[in-house]
Every structure is written in C-alpha cells, then in structure tokens.
N, C-alpha and C. Protein backbone atom coordinates (compact mmCIF):
# COMPACT_ATOMS: atom_id res chain seq x y z
N UNK A 1 11.43 -9.10 -18.20
CA UNK A 1 11.92 -8.70 -16.89
C UNK A 1 10.96 -7.72 -16.24
N UNK A 2 10.40 -6.79 -17.01
CA UNK A 2 9.46 -5.82 -16.45
C UNK A 2 8.26 -6.52 -15.85
N UNK A 3 7.74 -7.56 -16.53
CA UNK A 3 6.57 -8.27 -16.02
C UNK A 3 6.89 -8.98 -14.71
N UNK A 4 8.11 -9.51 -14.58
CA UNK A 4 8.51 -10.16 -13.33
C UNK A 4 8.53 -9.15 -12.19
N UNK A 5 9.06 -7.97 -12.46
CA UNK A 5 9.11 -6.93 -11.44
C UNK A 5 7.71 -6.47 -11.07
N UNK A 6 6.85 -6.34 -12.06
CA UNK A 6 5.48 -5.92 -11.82
C UNK A 6 4.75 -6.96 -10.98
N UNK A 7 4.94 -8.23 -11.30
CA UNK A 7 4.32 -9.31 -10.55
C UNK A 7 4.84 -9.33 -9.12
N UNK A 8 6.16 -9.16 -8.97
CA UNK A 8 6.75 -9.15 -7.64
C UNK A 8 6.19 -7.99 -6.81
N UNK A 9 6.07 -6.83 -7.39
CA UNK A 9 5.52 -5.67 -6.69
C UNK A 9 4.08 -5.93 -6.28
N UNK A 10 3.29 -6.47 -7.18
CA UNK A 10 1.88 -6.77 -6.87
C UNK A 10 1.79 -7.77 -5.71
N UNK A 11 2.64 -8.80 -5.75
CA UNK A 11 2.64 -9.80 -4.69
C UNK A 11 3.09 -9.20 -3.35
N UNK A 12 4.10 -8.34 -3.41
CA UNK A 12 4.59 -7.69 -2.19
C UNK A 12 3.50 -6.83 -1.58
N UNK A 13 2.84 -6.05 -2.41
CA UNK A 13 1.77 -5.17 -1.91
C UNK A 13 0.65 -6.01 -1.32
N UNK A 14 0.27 -7.09 -1.97
CA UNK A 14 -0.80 -7.94 -1.47
C UNK A 14 -0.45 -8.50 -0.09
N UNK A 15 0.76 -9.01 0.05
CA UNK A 15 1.20 -9.55 1.34
C UNK A 15 1.23 -8.47 2.41
N UNK A 16 1.70 -7.30 2.05
CA UNK A 16 1.79 -6.20 3.02
C UNK A 16 0.40 -5.72 3.44
N UNK A 17 -0.51 -5.64 2.51
CA UNK A 17 -1.87 -5.21 2.85
C UNK A 17 -2.47 -6.14 3.90
N UNK A 18 -2.33 -7.43 3.70
CA UNK A 18 -2.88 -8.40 4.64
C UNK A 18 -2.14 -8.33 5.98
N UNK A 19 -0.81 -8.26 5.93
CA UNK A 19 -0.02 -8.22 7.16
C UNK A 19 -0.33 -6.98 7.99
N UNK A 20 -0.42 -5.81 7.36
CA UNK A 20 -0.71 -4.59 8.10
C UNK A 20 -2.12 -4.59 8.67
N UNK A 21 -3.06 -5.13 7.91
CA UNK A 21 -4.44 -5.21 8.42
C UNK A 21 -4.48 -6.09 9.65
N UNK A 22 -3.85 -7.24 9.56
CA UNK A 22 -3.85 -8.17 10.71
C UNK A 22 -3.10 -7.57 11.89
N UNK A 23 -1.96 -6.92 11.63
CA UNK A 23 -1.19 -6.30 12.71
C UNK A 23 -1.99 -5.21 13.41
N UNK A 24 -2.87 -4.55 12.66
CA UNK A 24 -3.72 -3.51 13.24
C UNK A 24 -4.91 -4.11 13.98
N UNK A 25 -5.07 -5.43 13.86
CA UNK A 25 -6.18 -6.09 14.55
C UNK A 25 -7.53 -5.79 13.94
N UNK A 26 -7.55 -5.60 12.64
CA UNK A 26 -8.77 -5.22 11.92
C UNK A 26 -9.18 -6.36 11.00
N UNK A 27 -10.44 -6.74 11.03
CA UNK A 27 -10.93 -7.76 10.11
C UNK A 27 -11.07 -7.16 8.72
N UNK A 28 -11.11 -8.01 7.71
CA UNK A 28 -11.31 -7.53 6.35
C UNK A 28 -12.65 -6.82 6.23
N UNK A 29 -13.65 -7.34 6.91
CA UNK A 29 -14.98 -6.72 6.88
C UNK A 29 -14.94 -5.32 7.49
N UNK A 30 -14.27 -5.18 8.64
CA UNK A 30 -14.18 -3.87 9.29
C UNK A 30 -13.35 -2.89 8.47
N UNK A 31 -12.28 -3.39 7.86
CA UNK A 31 -11.46 -2.53 7.00
C UNK A 31 -12.29 -2.02 5.83
N UNK A 32 -13.03 -2.93 5.21
CA UNK A 32 -13.87 -2.55 4.07
C UNK A 32 -14.90 -1.50 4.47
N UNK A 33 -15.54 -1.69 5.59
CA UNK A 33 -16.53 -0.73 6.06
C UNK A 33 -15.89 0.62 6.36
N UNK A 34 -14.70 0.61 6.95
CA UNK A 34 -14.01 1.85 7.31
C UNK A 34 -13.63 2.69 6.10
N UNK A 35 -13.38 2.03 4.97
CA UNK A 35 -12.95 2.78 3.78
C UNK A 35 -14.02 2.84 2.70
N UNK A 36 -15.20 2.32 3.01
CA UNK A 36 -16.31 2.41 2.06
C UNK A 36 -16.20 1.47 0.87
N UNK A 37 -15.58 0.32 1.09
CA UNK A 37 -15.45 -0.67 0.01
C UNK A 37 -16.12 -1.97 0.45
N UNK A 38 -16.22 -2.92 -0.46
CA UNK A 38 -16.78 -4.23 -0.14
C UNK A 38 -15.68 -5.13 0.41
N UNK A 39 -16.08 -6.07 1.26
CA UNK A 39 -15.12 -7.00 1.84
C UNK A 39 -14.39 -7.79 0.76
N UNK A 40 -15.10 -8.16 -0.31
CA UNK A 40 -14.47 -8.89 -1.42
C UNK A 40 -13.36 -8.07 -2.07
N UNK A 41 -13.51 -6.76 -2.07
CA UNK A 41 -12.49 -5.89 -2.65
C UNK A 41 -11.21 -5.98 -1.83
N UNK A 42 -11.35 -5.94 -0.51
CA UNK A 42 -10.18 -6.05 0.37
C UNK A 42 -9.48 -7.39 0.13
N UNK A 43 -10.25 -8.47 0.03
CA UNK A 43 -9.67 -9.78 -0.23
C UNK A 43 -8.99 -9.83 -1.60
N UNK A 44 -9.55 -9.16 -2.58
CA UNK A 44 -8.94 -9.13 -3.92
C UNK A 44 -7.59 -8.41 -3.86
N UNK A 45 -7.49 -7.34 -3.10
CA UNK A 45 -6.21 -6.65 -2.93
C UNK A 45 -5.20 -7.54 -2.24
N UNK A 46 -5.66 -8.25 -1.20
CA UNK A 46 -4.75 -9.07 -0.40
C UNK A 46 -4.32 -10.35 -1.11
N UNK A 47 -5.02 -10.73 -2.14
CA UNK A 47 -4.64 -11.91 -2.92
C UNK A 47 -3.88 -11.53 -4.18
N UNK A 48 -3.74 -10.24 -4.43
CA UNK A 48 -3.02 -9.77 -5.60
C UNK A 48 -3.83 -9.75 -6.88
N UNK A 49 -5.13 -9.99 -6.77
CA UNK A 49 -5.99 -9.96 -7.96
C UNK A 49 -6.22 -8.53 -8.45
N UNK A 50 -6.12 -7.59 -7.54
CA UNK A 50 -6.35 -6.19 -7.86
C UNK A 50 -5.56 -5.37 -6.86
N UNK A 51 -5.48 -4.05 -7.08
CA UNK A 51 -4.78 -3.17 -6.16
C UNK A 51 -5.61 -1.92 -5.91
N UNK A 52 -5.50 -1.38 -4.71
CA UNK A 52 -6.21 -0.13 -4.43
C UNK A 52 -5.60 1.02 -5.22
N UNK A 53 -6.41 2.03 -5.49
CA UNK A 53 -5.88 3.22 -6.16
C UNK A 53 -5.06 4.04 -5.16
N UNK A 54 -4.40 5.06 -5.64
CA UNK A 54 -3.50 5.86 -4.81
C UNK A 54 -4.22 6.49 -3.61
N UNK A 55 -5.39 7.02 -3.83
CA UNK A 55 -6.14 7.64 -2.74
C UNK A 55 -6.49 6.61 -1.66
N UNK A 56 -6.88 5.42 -2.09
CA UNK A 56 -7.22 4.37 -1.15
C UNK A 56 -5.99 3.90 -0.39
N UNK A 57 -4.83 3.86 -1.06
CA UNK A 57 -3.60 3.51 -0.36
C UNK A 57 -3.37 4.45 0.82
N UNK A 58 -3.59 5.73 0.60
CA UNK A 58 -3.39 6.71 1.67
C UNK A 58 -4.37 6.50 2.81
N UNK A 59 -5.60 6.17 2.49
CA UNK A 59 -6.60 5.88 3.51
C UNK A 59 -6.19 4.64 4.30
N UNK A 60 -5.71 3.62 3.60
CA UNK A 60 -5.26 2.40 4.26
C UNK A 60 -4.06 2.66 5.16
N UNK A 61 -3.16 3.53 4.73
CA UNK A 61 -2.01 3.89 5.57
C UNK A 61 -2.49 4.46 6.90
N UNK A 62 -3.44 5.34 6.85
CA UNK A 62 -3.99 5.91 8.09
C UNK A 62 -4.68 4.85 8.93
N UNK A 63 -5.46 4.03 8.30
CA UNK A 63 -6.21 2.99 9.01
C UNK A 63 -5.27 1.98 9.67
N UNK A 64 -4.22 1.60 8.97
CA UNK A 64 -3.29 0.58 9.46
C UNK A 64 -2.08 1.17 10.18
N UNK A 65 -2.01 2.49 10.27
CA UNK A 65 -0.88 3.18 10.91
C UNK A 65 0.45 2.76 10.27
N UNK A 66 0.50 2.88 8.95
CA UNK A 66 1.68 2.46 8.19
C UNK A 66 2.11 3.57 7.24
N UNK A 67 3.38 3.58 6.90
CA UNK A 67 3.91 4.48 5.89
C UNK A 67 3.69 3.83 4.53
N UNK A 68 3.32 4.60 3.54
CA UNK A 68 2.99 4.03 2.24
C UNK A 68 4.17 3.25 1.64
N UNK A 69 5.39 3.67 1.91
CA UNK A 69 6.54 2.96 1.36
C UNK A 69 6.63 1.53 1.90
N UNK A 70 6.08 1.29 3.08
CA UNK A 70 6.12 -0.05 3.66
C UNK A 70 5.29 -1.04 2.85
N UNK A 71 4.28 -0.56 2.16
CA UNK A 71 3.46 -1.45 1.32
C UNK A 71 4.27 -1.98 0.13
N UNK A 72 5.28 -1.24 -0.25
CA UNK A 72 6.10 -1.63 -1.39
C UNK A 72 7.36 -2.36 -0.96
N UNK A 73 7.51 -2.57 0.34
CA UNK A 73 8.67 -3.28 0.86
C UNK A 73 9.94 -2.46 0.82
N UNK A 74 9.79 -1.13 0.94
CA UNK A 74 10.96 -0.25 0.91
C UNK A 74 10.98 0.60 2.17
N UNK A 75 12.08 1.30 2.36
CA UNK A 75 12.21 2.19 3.49
C UNK A 75 11.53 3.53 3.18
N UNK A 76 10.95 4.16 4.20
CA UNK A 76 10.37 5.49 3.99
C UNK A 76 11.46 6.46 3.54
N UNK A 77 11.13 7.27 2.56
CA UNK A 77 12.08 8.27 2.09
C UNK A 77 11.36 9.59 1.89
N UNK A 78 12.13 10.64 1.98
CA UNK A 78 11.57 11.96 1.75
C UNK A 78 12.62 12.76 0.99
N UNK A 79 12.25 13.27 -0.13
CA UNK A 79 13.16 14.06 -0.93
C UNK A 79 12.71 15.52 -0.85
N UNK A 80 13.55 16.33 -0.29
CA UNK A 80 13.21 17.75 -0.17
C UNK A 80 13.77 18.51 -1.36
N UNK A 81 13.00 19.43 -1.86
CA UNK A 81 13.45 20.26 -2.98
C UNK A 81 14.19 21.46 -2.42
N UNK A 82 15.40 21.64 -2.84
CA UNK A 82 16.18 22.81 -2.46
C UNK A 82 16.80 23.39 -3.71
N UNK A 83 17.28 24.60 -3.62
CA UNK A 83 17.91 25.20 -4.78
C UNK A 83 19.19 24.45 -5.15
N UNK A 84 19.89 23.88 -4.14
CA UNK A 84 21.08 23.09 -4.43
C UNK A 84 20.73 21.86 -5.25
N UNK A 85 19.62 21.20 -4.88
CA UNK A 85 19.20 20.01 -5.62
C UNK A 85 18.85 20.38 -7.06
N UNK A 86 18.24 21.54 -7.25
CA UNK A 86 17.87 21.97 -8.59
C UNK A 86 19.12 22.22 -9.43
N UNK A 87 20.18 22.76 -8.81
CA UNK A 87 21.41 23.02 -9.53
C UNK A 87 22.09 21.74 -9.97
N UNK A 88 21.93 20.66 -9.19
CA UNK A 88 22.55 19.39 -9.51
C UNK A 88 21.82 18.66 -10.65
N UNK A 89 20.56 18.94 -10.85
CA UNK A 89 19.75 18.23 -11.85
C UNK A 89 20.10 18.60 -13.26
C-alpha cells in the first residue's frame, strides 16, 4: 500500500509540475534556464522519472506562482504554534 501511495504522489507531482509550468506560459527550456537546471531534468520531473529537491520545489513555486501544497494535490495549510497547541500535544 505504501508503494501505491508513493507512486500516486510521484505521478501527482509530475502532472502538477507540467500543468503549472504550462499555465505560467513557460517552456521547459526557459524553466530550466531560470532555475539553473538542464531541460532534460525538467522533463524527467514532469514524467515522474525523478523529482526536484525541496529547495528546487520552492524555486519552482516562485517561478510558477504556485503554493507548494498545490504540487501535492492538497489545499494550502498553515499550522501556527501557540501555547494552547503545545498544551494539547
């Protein structure tokens, strides 16, 4: 079951990477140049063969004007730390 979830997440991220790039009107070549990677690397991410590291995800979010949670197919969330939350843990 874990492998199915991992595969699904990888596929979701790959689809989202391509969709956000296209929605931003950016070619794979231009995206690669903007983030200092090779065009083949961008295609590998978009096909699910590989995934960008966390730092690159953040750069892609800025480039594509997207929230990082959108790459995972989830809603943006923010968890604030408060003393009440600490008491509940």
